[in-house]
């Protein structure tokens, strides 16, 4: 088989390789940053009979394989060469994908990111940007004693037994290093949150951007990727994974105006988030979340789950999800749970409280799903002012008119349409020390709720799924027999989460970002190491073939 012309020009070295923009991957040469001039000759032979793995409707043919309900995955021959080759290809440019890219680049790998959305978004951007870590230098500076063991115990106490307890321990051990790596190497602005600590954490361990927004976290990561020259192709979804002999070695990417790029890679990292925006997958795997409004990123449509299943990947905790009991009905904003922790309550349309609000926003979402709405978060003007001062996004809820304001209980009851007597009784419960609270609440923040009052209509929401592909502590996707699928890594919502086996009760604040950024860091490092090992193997083969006279 003749060597394609595109590889011949690289034999003399990289100095005369021209940079060719490919489907938005401008700034990458084809090949990019490859130091072995003969490497592409070997890559061409190694991948000459690769097959892509994709979803029906993508011009795939031959050997149809039934996978997830409603989906069929097909295999076909790929007869054309790669348009671009990198060490590590990352699918998804959210928090997980960006961290993975930065980590892989720092380890010396050539990296590219394909993102199907037209802008950086994902659930990281929708979050508060809070990353839990135990034993960080920020905690030590604040005089807070913490340890990975204590952190893991806190998480497991809430989550209960589940399919990824190895990840709970691994991520707890990594957490301090993760936060300090983000600050020192990725140049992310993080501060220790000491003004509140959400349910499940026995000490203050949430590290968040100064604005307390995931958008700031994502902007910092994007800026670092830009400084490193890591290309991000926006609006260019991965259509198929390219697989040869069970080894993942690239992807087919849809580009502008119907163009297609075939990207070769020694490792592929799935950072595509979960399947919260795929109603069919929710109905099959996470049915308890069906009645919840979806408040997560629109791009979470389950591609990783579908591709992984076709490759025989194991899955775990598919019935678990992060819920939120405070999706503001009018604006779609998420009410920070600090409002409840300061003493706010949640009532139903009858004016009655439905549970212990301090169980957390995710756990209370399950309670709301078990009751009839509407629901209202009721709090005081004092709480509103305090929380707005520290969390600017909450202040916007009031600014856009998503708050009922009243000088007394009678006026508030009339505005939101609940029985006045029931509302007064609910408000009176906050004056109790907790010993007689019908729902067992013990912590009341600022104490009894006092006028003037505020209320926001809320709805239970599914924020993101917490189940996905089974991965080991090296972020390698595992088959059902426990063996890794070579060349394939996953993190964040694409991987099995650490929030219990089912429902939303097992979620601890920050679990999502801990999994996304922690597994992203691990996957980036491991994928880069795998790519380097492959390079050594290919170099050895080149030298051997030359010595044997097989490459002429």
Protein backbone atom coordinates (compact mmCIF):
# COMPACT_ATOMS: atom_id res chain seq x y z
CA UNK A 1 0.00 0.00 0.00
CA UNK A 2 1.60 3.31 -1.02
CA UNK A 3 2.26 5.97 1.58
CA UNK A 4 -0.15 8.90 1.09
CA UNK A 5 1.36 12.17 -0.10
CA UNK A 6 0.31 13.94 3.08
CA UNK A 7 2.80 11.90 5.07
CA UNK A 8 5.72 12.13 2.68
CA UNK A 9 6.19 15.84 3.37
CA UNK A 10 6.74 15.16 7.06
CA UNK A 11 9.62 12.75 6.70
CA UNK A 12 12.22 15.50 6.53
CA UNK A 13 11.03 17.02 9.82
CA UNK A 14 8.41 19.49 10.95
CA UNK A 15 10.03 22.72 9.74
CA UNK A 16 8.31 22.74 6.36
CA UNK A 17 4.90 21.52 7.48
CA UNK A 18 2.27 24.10 6.70
CA UNK A 19 -0.56 24.73 9.13
CA UNK A 20 -3.88 23.81 7.58
CA UNK A 21 -7.14 24.78 9.33
CA UNK A 22 -9.30 21.67 9.52
CA UNK A 23 -12.92 22.07 10.57
CA UNK A 24 -12.14 24.82 13.03
CA UNK A 25 -8.96 23.24 14.36
CA UNK A 26 -6.98 26.24 13.10
CA UNK A 27 -3.46 26.42 14.39
CA UNK A 28 -2.92 22.68 14.31
CA UNK A 29 -0.61 21.28 11.71
CA UNK A 30 -1.49 17.97 10.18
CA UNK A 31 0.23 16.32 11.97
CA UNK A 32 0.61 18.59 15.04
CA UNK A 33 3.65 18.57 17.33
CA UNK A 34 4.78 15.09 16.32
CA UNK A 35 8.47 14.72 16.98
CA UNK A 36 9.07 11.44 15.20
CA UNK A 37 9.28 12.13 11.50
CA UNK A 38 8.72 8.52 10.49
CA UNK A 39 5.83 8.08 12.91
CA UNK A 40 3.10 8.84 10.42
CA UNK A 41 4.31 6.10 8.11
CA UNK A 42 3.67 3.59 10.88
CA UNK A 43 0.38 5.25 11.90
CA UNK A 44 -0.82 4.93 8.32
CA UNK A 45 -0.12 1.22 8.27
CA UNK A 46 -1.51 0.66 11.78
CA UNK A 47 -4.77 2.43 10.99
CA UNK A 48 -5.16 1.36 7.35
CA UNK A 49 -8.18 -0.85 8.14
CA UNK A 50 -9.79 1.03 11.02
CA UNK A 51 -13.52 1.10 11.51
CA UNK A 52 -15.62 3.93 12.93
CA UNK A 53 -18.25 3.43 15.57
CA UNK A 54 -21.29 5.67 15.43
CA UNK A 55 -25.04 6.12 15.71
CA UNK A 56 -27.59 5.32 12.99
CA UNK A 57 -28.29 8.23 10.73
CA UNK A 58 -24.61 9.02 10.28
CA UNK A 59 -24.08 7.17 6.97
CA UNK A 60 -22.84 4.09 8.79
CA UNK A 61 -23.27 0.65 7.27
CA UNK A 62 -22.68 -3.05 7.93
CA UNK A 63 -22.84 -5.11 11.11
CA UNK A 64 -25.64 -3.38 13.02
CA UNK A 65 -25.47 -3.97 16.77
CA UNK A 66 -28.41 -3.30 19.09
CA UNK A 67 -27.40 -1.32 22.16
CA UNK A 68 -29.45 1.07 24.24
CA UNK A 69 -33.18 1.10 23.73
CA UNK A 70 -34.08 3.13 20.66
CA UNK A 71 -30.46 3.26 19.46
CA UNK A 72 -28.52 1.15 17.01
CA UNK A 73 -24.79 1.38 16.52
CA UNK A 74 -23.11 0.35 13.30
CA UNK A 75 -19.64 -0.45 12.08
CA UNK A 76 -18.20 0.25 8.66
CA UNK A 77 -14.86 0.35 6.87
CA UNK A 78 -13.02 3.68 6.80
CA UNK A 79 -11.26 3.96 3.45
CA UNK A 80 -9.80 7.47 3.73
CA UNK A 81 -6.80 8.78 5.63
CA UNK A 82 -6.88 10.90 8.77
CA UNK A 83 -7.20 14.62 8.18
CA UNK A 84 -5.49 15.35 11.46
CA UNK A 85 -3.58 13.39 14.08
CA UNK A 86 -3.08 14.30 17.73
CA UNK A 87 -2.00 12.45 20.82
CA UNK A 88 -5.19 13.15 22.76
CA UNK A 89 -8.61 14.06 21.38
CA UNK A 90 -11.11 15.35 23.91
CA UNK A 91 -14.84 15.27 23.23
CA UNK A 92 -16.50 18.11 25.12
CA UNK A 93 -15.24 21.52 26.24
CA UNK A 94 -16.83 21.87 29.67
CA UNK A 95 -14.94 21.83 32.94
CA UNK A 96 -13.90 18.19 32.59
CA UNK A 97 -12.72 18.55 29.00
CA UNK A 98 -10.76 21.76 29.58
CA UNK A 99 -9.02 20.38 32.67
CA UNK A 100 -8.18 17.19 30.78
CA UNK A 101 -6.78 19.20 27.87
CA UNK A 102 -4.63 21.40 30.11
CA UNK A 103 -3.33 18.37 32.02
CA UNK A 104 -2.52 16.45 28.83
CA UNK A 105 -0.79 19.47 27.31
CA UNK A 106 1.24 19.98 30.49
CA UNK A 107 2.36 16.35 30.19
CA UNK A 108 3.70 16.99 26.69
CA UNK A 109 0.88 15.61 24.56
CA UNK A 110 -0.59 17.27 21.48
CA UNK A 111 -4.26 17.96 22.22
CA UNK A 112 -7.44 19.02 20.44
CA UNK A 113 -10.99 19.49 21.73
CA UNK A 114 -14.21 19.01 19.75
CA UNK A 115 -17.32 20.66 21.21
CA UNK A 116 -20.77 20.28 19.67
CA UNK A 117 -22.18 23.47 21.16
CA UNK A 118 -21.44 26.81 19.53
CA UNK A 119 -20.06 28.23 22.78
CA UNK A 120 -18.52 26.93 25.97
CA UNK A 121 -21.36 25.92 28.25
CA UNK A 122 -22.16 22.66 30.00
CA UNK A 123 -23.13 22.10 33.59
CA UNK A 124 -19.90 23.61 34.91
CA UNK A 125 -21.08 26.99 33.62
CA UNK A 126 -24.47 26.52 35.32
CA UNK A 127 -22.96 25.60 38.68
CA UNK A 128 -21.71 27.76 41.54
CA UNK A 129 -18.17 26.67 40.67
CA UNK A 130 -17.74 25.07 44.10
CA UNK A 131 -15.05 22.40 44.28
CA UNK A 132 -14.75 20.45 47.54
CA UNK A 133 -11.25 19.61 48.68
CA UNK A 134 -9.81 18.23 51.91
CA UNK A 135 -6.47 19.34 53.30
CA UNK A 136 -5.84 22.22 50.89
CA UNK A 137 -3.45 25.02 51.74
CA UNK A 138 -6.42 27.41 51.74
CA UNK A 139 -8.01 25.37 54.51
CA UNK A 140 -4.79 25.28 56.48
CA UNK A 141 -4.44 29.05 56.17
CA UNK A 142 -7.96 29.40 57.58
CA UNK A 143 -7.15 27.08 60.49
CA UNK A 144 -9.45 24.31 59.25
CA UNK A 145 -8.38 20.75 59.94
CA UNK A 146 -9.53 18.28 57.31
CA UNK A 147 -8.37 15.09 55.65
CA UNK A 148 -9.21 12.97 52.59
CA UNK A 149 -10.40 10.21 54.90
CA UNK A 150 -12.84 12.53 56.63
CA UNK A 151 -14.01 13.85 53.26
CA UNK A 152 -14.63 10.36 51.85
CA UNK A 153 -16.50 9.41 55.01
CA UNK A 154 -18.73 12.49 54.65
CA UNK A 155 -19.56 11.64 51.04
CA UNK A 156 -20.28 7.97 51.74
CA UNK A 157 -22.43 8.81 54.73
CA UNK A 158 -24.79 10.67 52.40
CA UNK A 159 -24.45 8.53 49.28
CA UNK A 160 -24.60 5.12 50.91
CA UNK A 161 -23.14 2.09 49.10
CA UNK A 162 -22.82 2.43 45.32
CA UNK A 163 -20.99 1.21 42.24
CA UNK A 164 -18.06 3.64 42.34
CA UNK A 165 -16.83 3.79 45.91
CA UNK A 166 -13.29 3.39 44.58
CA UNK A 167 -13.77 6.78 42.90
CA UNK A 168 -15.06 8.34 46.11
CA UNK A 169 -11.81 7.48 47.87
CA UNK A 170 -9.64 8.30 44.86
CA UNK A 171 -11.19 11.74 44.33
CA UNK A 172 -11.11 12.58 48.03
CA UNK A 173 -7.39 11.78 48.06
CA UNK A 174 -6.85 13.89 44.93
CA UNK A 175 -9.03 16.83 45.96
CA UNK A 176 -6.43 19.08 47.61
CA UNK A 177 -3.94 18.49 44.81
CA UNK A 178 -6.70 19.26 42.29
CA UNK A 179 -7.55 22.63 43.84
CA UNK A 180 -3.92 23.63 44.18
CA UNK A 181 -3.18 22.49 40.59
CA UNK A 182 -6.09 24.60 39.37
CA UNK A 183 -4.69 27.64 41.16
CA UNK A 184 -1.00 27.14 40.36
CA UNK A 185 -0.97 25.46 36.95
CA UNK A 186 -4.33 26.35 35.38
CA UNK A 187 -4.39 29.86 36.87
CA UNK A 188 -7.95 29.55 38.16
CA UNK A 189 -9.04 32.05 40.81
CA UNK A 190 -10.37 30.14 43.81
CA UNK A 191 -11.16 31.11 47.38
CA UNK A 192 -12.24 29.01 50.34
CA UNK A 193 -15.92 29.47 51.14
CA UNK A 194 -16.23 29.99 54.89
CA UNK A 195 -19.53 31.90 55.04
CA UNK A 196 -21.52 28.69 54.51
CA UNK A 197 -21.03 24.98 54.08
CA UNK A 198 -23.71 22.98 52.38
CA UNK A 199 -25.19 19.74 53.66
CA UNK A 200 -22.90 16.74 53.85
CA UNK A 201 -19.68 18.61 54.61
CA UNK A 202 -18.56 18.42 58.22
CA UNK A 203 -16.11 21.31 57.72
CA UNK A 204 -15.76 24.20 55.27
CA UNK A 205 -14.10 22.67 52.22
CA UNK A 206 -15.80 24.25 49.20
CA UNK A 207 -13.39 26.22 47.01
CA UNK A 208 -15.09 28.58 44.60
CA UNK A 209 -14.33 31.52 42.26
CA UNK A 210 -14.79 34.91 43.93
CA UNK A 211 -18.05 35.45 42.03
CA UNK A 212 -19.36 32.06 43.21
CA UNK A 213 -20.19 31.21 39.59
CA UNK A 214 -19.24 28.37 37.30
CA UNK A 215 -18.98 30.84 34.43
CA UNK A 216 -15.91 32.41 36.04
CA UNK A 217 -14.36 28.97 36.57
CA UNK A 218 -14.97 28.08 32.92
CA UNK A 219 -13.57 31.41 31.69
CA UNK A 220 -10.37 30.87 33.66
CA UNK A 221 -9.96 27.38 32.21
CA UNK A 222 -10.65 28.63 28.70
CA UNK A 223 -8.06 31.38 29.15
CA UNK A 224 -5.45 28.83 30.23
CA UNK A 225 -6.25 26.62 27.24
CA UNK A 226 -5.79 29.69 25.04
CA UNK A 227 -2.44 30.52 26.59
CA UNK A 228 -1.29 27.00 25.85
CA UNK A 229 -2.54 27.15 22.27
CA UNK A 230 -4.96 24.27 22.75
CA UNK A 231 -7.45 24.35 19.85
CA UNK A 232 -11.16 24.14 20.64
CA UNK A 233 -13.46 23.45 17.70
CA UNK A 234 -16.87 24.86 18.64
CA UNK A 235 -20.07 23.80 16.94
CA UNK A 236 -18.42 20.63 15.66
CA UNK A 237 -19.96 17.49 17.16
CA UNK A 238 -18.26 14.15 17.18
CA UNK A 239 -20.34 11.85 15.04
CA UNK A 240 -18.51 8.58 15.61
CA UNK A 241 -15.64 7.04 17.48
CA UNK A 242 -13.04 5.33 15.33
CA UNK A 243 -12.18 1.88 16.58
CA UNK A 244 -9.78 -0.79 15.38
CA UNK A 245 -9.75 -4.20 16.99
CA UNK A 246 -11.48 -2.86 20.07
CA UNK A 247 -8.96 -0.02 20.42
CA UNK A 248 -10.32 3.53 20.22
CA UNK A 249 -8.05 5.55 17.94
CA UNK A 250 -9.93 8.67 16.91
CA UNK A 251 -13.24 10.18 15.93
CA UNK A 252 -15.20 11.53 13.00
CA UNK A 253 -16.17 15.17 13.53
CA UNK A 254 -18.88 17.07 11.69
CA UNK A 255 -17.84 20.55 10.64
CA UNK A 256 -19.16 23.58 8.84
CA UNK A 257 -21.35 23.32 5.74
CA UNK A 258 -21.49 19.54 5.81
CA UNK A 259 -17.73 18.98 5.99
CA UNK A 260 -16.31 16.04 7.90
CA UNK A 261 -12.92 15.55 9.56
CA UNK A 262 -11.36 12.24 10.52
CA UNK A 263 -9.21 12.84 13.58
CA UNK A 264 -6.70 10.21 14.59
CA UNK A 265 -5.69 10.02 18.25
CA UNK A 266 -3.78 7.69 20.49
CA UNK A 267 -6.31 8.38 23.23
CA UNK A 268 -9.84 9.76 23.30
CA UNK A 269 -11.36 11.33 26.42
CA UNK A 270 -15.14 11.49 26.69
CA UNK A 271 -16.08 14.67 28.55
CA UNK A 272 -19.56 14.97 27.08
CA UNK A 273 -21.49 15.16 30.36
CA UNK A 274 -24.44 12.89 31.09
CA UNK A 275 -27.85 12.16 29.62
CA UNK A 276 -30.14 14.56 31.47
CA UNK A 277 -31.31 16.21 28.24
CA UNK A 278 -32.23 12.86 26.63
CA UNK A 279 -35.81 12.05 27.72
CA UNK A 280 -35.68 8.53 26.25
CA UNK A 281 -32.56 7.65 28.25
CA UNK A 282 -33.99 9.24 31.41
CA UNK A 283 -37.16 7.18 31.00
CA UNK A 284 -35.15 3.97 30.68
CA UNK A 285 -32.34 4.47 33.19
CA UNK A 286 -33.40 7.21 35.61
CA UNK A 287 -37.22 7.12 35.69
CA UNK A 288 -37.59 8.81 39.09
CA UNK A 289 -36.30 12.01 37.48
CA UNK A 290 -38.88 12.04 34.68
CA UNK A 291 -41.27 14.39 36.44
CA UNK A 292 -38.55 16.92 37.23
CA UNK A 293 -38.04 19.96 35.05
CA UNK A 294 -34.68 19.84 33.34
CA UNK A 295 -32.39 22.61 34.53
CA UNK A 296 -29.09 21.38 33.16
CA UNK A 297 -27.10 21.98 29.99
CA UNK A 298 -28.92 21.20 26.71
CA UNK A 299 -25.94 19.31 25.34
CA UNK A 300 -26.17 16.48 27.88
CA UNK A 301 -27.71 13.99 25.48
CA UNK A 302 -25.92 10.75 26.38
CA UNK A 303 -23.53 10.15 23.48
CA UNK A 304 -20.88 8.73 25.79
CA UNK A 305 -23.34 6.22 27.19
CA UNK A 306 -24.40 5.11 23.72
CA UNK A 307 -20.87 4.83 22.33
CA UNK A 308 -19.63 3.06 25.44
CA UNK A 309 -22.45 0.54 25.42
CA UNK A 310 -21.64 -0.36 21.82
CA UNK A 311 -18.08 -1.11 22.88
CA UNK A 312 -19.24 -3.34 25.73
CA UNK A 313 -18.52 -0.83 28.47
CA UNK A 314 -19.88 -1.40 31.94
CA UNK A 315 -22.03 1.27 33.55
CA UNK A 316 -22.88 2.25 37.10
CA UNK A 317 -25.26 4.30 39.25
CA UNK A 318 -27.47 5.08 36.26
CA UNK A 319 -30.52 5.80 38.44
CA UNK A 320 -28.73 8.49 40.45
CA UNK A 321 -29.01 12.19 39.66
CA UNK A 322 -28.38 15.59 41.11
CA UNK A 323 -31.72 17.22 41.76
CA UNK A 324 -32.45 20.76 42.82
CA UNK A 325 -35.50 21.74 44.84
CA UNK A 326 -35.09 25.42 44.02
CA UNK A 327 -35.52 25.96 40.27
CA UNK A 328 -37.23 29.36 40.13
CA UNK A 329 -40.31 28.82 37.99
CA UNK A 330 -40.47 32.23 36.34
CA UNK A 331 -36.82 32.94 35.59
CA UNK A 332 -35.35 29.44 35.45
CA UNK A 333 -32.64 30.49 37.92
CA UNK A 334 -31.41 28.09 40.58
CA UNK A 335 -32.07 29.41 44.07
CA UNK A 336 -28.92 29.00 46.12
CA UNK A 337 -29.55 26.68 49.04
CA UNK A 338 -27.85 29.15 51.34
CA UNK A 339 -31.31 30.75 51.53
CA UNK A 340 -32.69 27.62 53.19
CA UNK A 341 -29.63 27.19 55.39
CA UNK A 342 -30.07 30.74 56.67
CA UNK A 343 -33.57 29.78 57.82
CA UNK A 344 -35.73 29.69 54.69
CA UNK A 345 -38.50 27.11 54.32
CA UNK A 346 -40.23 25.37 51.41
CA UNK A 347 -44.02 25.10 51.42
CA UNK A 348 -46.57 23.56 49.10
CA UNK A 349 -49.73 25.07 47.64
CA UNK A 350 -51.50 24.38 50.89
CA UNK A 351 -49.03 26.53 52.81
CA UNK A 352 -47.46 23.53 54.57
CA UNK A 353 -43.80 22.61 54.82
CA UNK A 354 -42.94 19.35 53.08
CA UNK A 355 -39.71 18.30 54.82
CA UNK A 356 -36.46 19.24 56.51
CA UNK A 357 -34.97 21.84 54.22
CA UNK A 358 -31.48 21.30 55.62
CA UNK A 359 -31.33 17.83 54.03
CA UNK A 360 -30.03 19.70 50.97
CA UNK A 361 -31.27 20.94 47.62
CA UNK A 362 -30.81 17.59 45.89
CA UNK A 363 -32.47 15.44 48.57
CA UNK A 364 -35.40 17.83 48.98
CA UNK A 365 -35.99 17.61 45.22
CA UNK A 366 -37.00 13.97 45.78
CA UNK A 367 -39.44 15.11 48.45
CA UNK A 368 -40.95 17.67 46.09
CA UNK A 369 -41.28 15.05 43.37
CA UNK A 370 -43.29 12.93 45.82
CA UNK A 371 -45.72 15.81 46.55
CA UNK A 372 -48.12 17.92 44.57
CA UNK A 373 -47.00 21.45 43.69
CA UNK A 374 -46.85 24.35 43.49
CA UNK A 375 -43.95 24.99 45.84
CA UNK A 376 -42.61 28.22 47.31
CA UNK A 377 -39.35 29.03 49.02
CA UNK A 378 -40.22 31.46 51.82
CA UNK A 379 -37.54 33.56 53.48
CA UNK A 380 -37.01 36.96 55.06
CA UNK A 381 -35.73 40.27 53.71
CA UNK A 382 -32.80 39.81 56.09
CA UNK A 383 -31.85 36.51 54.42
CA UNK A 384 -32.32 38.02 50.98
CA UNK A 385 -29.91 40.86 51.71
CA UNK A 386 -27.31 38.64 53.35
CA UNK A 387 -27.23 36.03 50.58
CA UNK A 388 -27.36 38.58 47.76
CA UNK A 389 -24.32 40.33 49.20
CA UNK A 390 -22.21 37.18 48.96
CA UNK A 391 -23.74 35.53 45.90
CA UNK A 392 -24.43 38.01 43.10
CA UNK A 393 -26.38 35.50 41.00
CA UNK A 394 -29.00 35.28 43.73
CA UNK A 395 -29.40 39.06 43.67
CA UNK A 396 -30.44 38.76 40.02
CA UNK A 397 -33.47 36.68 41.02
CA UNK A 398 -34.90 39.73 42.75
CA UNK A 399 -33.79 42.07 39.99
CA UNK A 400 -35.75 40.16 37.36
CA UNK A 401 -38.90 40.17 39.47
CA UNK A 402 -38.93 36.54 40.56
CA UNK A 403 -39.70 37.40 44.19
CA UNK A 404 -42.98 38.09 46.01
CA UNK A 405 -42.49 40.78 48.68
CA UNK A 406 -44.80 41.22 51.67
CA UNK A 407 -44.80 43.15 54.93
CA UNK A 408 -46.73 40.45 56.81
CA UNK A 409 -47.92 36.86 56.55
CA UNK A 410 -51.45 37.82 55.49
CA UNK A 411 -50.18 39.79 52.51
CA UNK A 412 -47.75 37.04 51.47
CA UNK A 413 -50.45 34.36 51.72
CA UNK A 414 -52.73 36.41 49.47
CA UNK A 415 -50.02 37.03 46.87
CA UNK A 416 -48.98 33.39 46.50
CA UNK A 417 -52.46 31.96 46.99
CA UNK A 418 -52.03 29.76 50.06
CA UNK A 419 -54.17 29.56 53.24
CA UNK A 420 -53.04 32.24 55.68
CA UNK A 421 -53.43 30.00 58.75
CA UNK A 422 -51.24 27.27 57.23
CA UNK A 423 -48.56 29.79 56.26
CA UNK A 424 -48.53 31.29 59.75
CA UNK A 425 -48.11 27.82 61.21
CA UNK A 426 -45.20 27.08 58.86
CA UNK A 427 -43.53 30.37 59.80
CA UNK A 428 -44.02 29.62 63.49
CA UNK A 429 -42.14 26.34 63.13
CA UNK A 430 -38.96 28.31 62.48
CA UNK A 431 -39.26 29.78 65.99
CA UNK A 432 -38.95 26.34 67.54
CA UNK A 433 -35.54 25.13 68.67
CA UNK A 434 -36.05 22.02 66.59
CA UNK A 435 -37.06 19.66 69.36
CA UNK A 436 -40.67 19.71 68.23
CA UNK A 437 -40.24 20.35 64.52
CA UNK A 438 -42.53 17.94 62.63
CA UNK A 439 -39.78 17.30 60.06
CA UNK A 440 -36.89 17.06 62.51
CA UNK A 441 -35.11 20.23 61.41
CA UNK A 442 -32.56 21.36 64.00
CA UNK A 443 -30.61 24.15 62.31
CA UNK A 444 -32.42 27.45 61.62
CA UNK A 445 -29.61 29.74 60.55
CA UNK A 446 -30.65 33.28 61.51
CA UNK A 447 -33.43 31.91 63.69
CA UNK A 448 -37.17 32.59 63.45
CA UNK A 449 -38.33 34.05 60.13
CA UNK A 450 -39.44 37.63 60.65
CA UNK A 451 -41.21 40.11 58.41
CA UNK A 452 -40.81 41.54 55.88
CA UNK A 453 -41.10 38.27 53.97
CA UNK A 454 -40.03 37.06 50.57
CA UNK A 455 -41.19 34.09 48.48
CA UNK A 456 -40.13 32.58 45.17
CA UNK A 457 -42.09 29.88 43.36
CA UNK A 458 -39.83 26.89 42.77
CA UNK A 459 -40.02 23.55 41.05
CA UNK A 460 -38.03 20.30 41.47
CA UNK A 461 -35.38 20.03 38.79
CA UNK A 462 -33.01 17.50 37.34
CA UNK A 463 -29.66 19.24 37.07
CA UNK A 464 -27.50 16.39 35.83
CA UNK A 465 -27.33 12.62 35.90
CA UNK A 466 -24.87 10.90 38.24
CA UNK A 467 -24.52 7.59 36.45
CA UNK A 468 -22.43 6.71 33.43
CA UNK A 469 -19.61 4.60 32.06
CA UNK A 470 -17.63 2.58 34.56
CA UNK A 471 -14.08 3.88 34.94
CA UNK A 472 -11.17 2.89 37.13
CA UNK A 473 -8.99 5.20 39.20
CA UNK A 474 -7.01 5.98 36.03
CA UNK A 475 -10.22 7.18 34.30
CA UNK A 476 -10.03 4.30 31.81
CA UNK A 477 -13.42 3.11 30.58
CA UNK A 478 -13.99 -0.47 31.67
CA UNK A 479 -15.65 -3.38 29.93
CA UNK A 480 -18.15 -5.55 31.75
CA UNK A 481 -15.35 -7.99 32.52
CA UNK A 482 -13.42 -5.23 34.27
CA UNK A 483 -10.77 -4.85 31.58
CA UNK A 484 -10.12 -1.35 30.18
CA UNK A 485 -11.14 -0.39 26.65
CA UNK A 486 -7.80 0.63 25.21
CA UNK A 487 -7.53 4.25 24.19
CA UNK A 488 -10.79 5.37 25.83
CA UNK A 489 -11.12 7.54 28.95
CA UNK A 490 -14.08 9.31 30.54
CA UNK A 491 -14.82 11.86 33.23
CA UNK A 492 -17.54 14.07 34.63
CA UNK A 493 -21.09 13.18 33.68
CA UNK A 494 -19.87 10.69 31.09
CA UNK A 495 -18.50 8.49 33.89
CA UNK A 496 -20.12 6.82 36.88
CA UNK A 497 -20.67 9.38 39.64
CA UNK A 498 -20.20 9.15 43.40
CA UNK A 499 -23.70 10.15 44.56
CA UNK A 500 -25.35 6.84 45.33
CA UNK A 501 -27.03 4.20 43.22
CA UNK A 502 -30.41 5.82 42.65
CA UNK A 503 -32.39 8.96 43.24
CA UNK A 504 -31.14 12.39 44.28
CA UNK A 505 -30.72 11.81 48.02
CA UNK A 506 -27.06 10.79 47.76
CA UNK A 507 -25.70 14.01 46.28
CA UNK A 508 -23.32 16.14 48.36
CA UNK A 509 -22.67 19.70 47.23
CA UNK A 510 -19.72 19.77 44.86
CA UNK A 511 -19.83 16.08 43.90
CA UNK A 512 -20.42 16.98 40.26
CA UNK A 513 -17.44 19.30 39.89
CA UNK A 514 -15.23 17.03 41.98
CA UNK A 515 -15.94 14.20 39.53
CA UNK A 516 -15.69 16.42 36.46
CA UNK A 517 -12.48 18.24 37.28
CA UNK A 518 -10.88 15.42 39.27
CA UNK A 519 -11.44 12.78 36.61
CA UNK A 520 -10.52 15.35 33.97
CA UNK A 521 -7.13 15.84 35.63
CA UNK A 522 -6.61 12.09 35.92
CA UNK A 523 -7.79 11.37 32.37
CA UNK A 524 -5.59 14.08 30.86
CA UNK A 525 -2.49 12.79 32.60
CA UNK A 526 -3.25 9.14 31.90
CA UNK A 527 -4.15 9.73 28.24
CA UNK A 528 -0.91 11.65 27.74
CA UNK A 529 1.04 8.84 29.34
CA UNK A 530 -0.73 6.29 27.15
CA UNK A 531 0.06 8.37 24.06
CA UNK A 532 3.72 8.58 25.02
CA UNK A 533 3.86 4.82 25.50
CA UNK A 534 2.30 4.34 22.07
CA UNK A 535 4.88 6.68 20.56
CA UNK A 536 7.70 4.63 22.03
CA UNK A 537 6.15 1.43 20.71
CA UNK A 538 5.72 2.90 17.24
CA UNK A 539 9.27 4.27 17.23
CA UNK A 540 10.53 0.82 18.17
CA UNK A 541 8.54 -0.69 15.32
CA UNK A 542 9.90 1.86 12.83
CA UNK A 543 13.45 1.15 13.86
CA UNK A 544 12.88 -2.59 13.72
CA UNK A 545 11.26 -2.43 10.28
CA UNK A 546 14.05 -0.26 8.93
CA UNK A 547 16.65 -2.67 10.25
CA UNK A 548 14.77 -5.56 8.68
CA UNK A 549 14.48 -3.72 5.38
CA UNK A 550 10.66 -3.81 5.52
CA UNK A 551 10.10 -0.06 4.98
CA UNK A 552 11.44 0.97 1.59
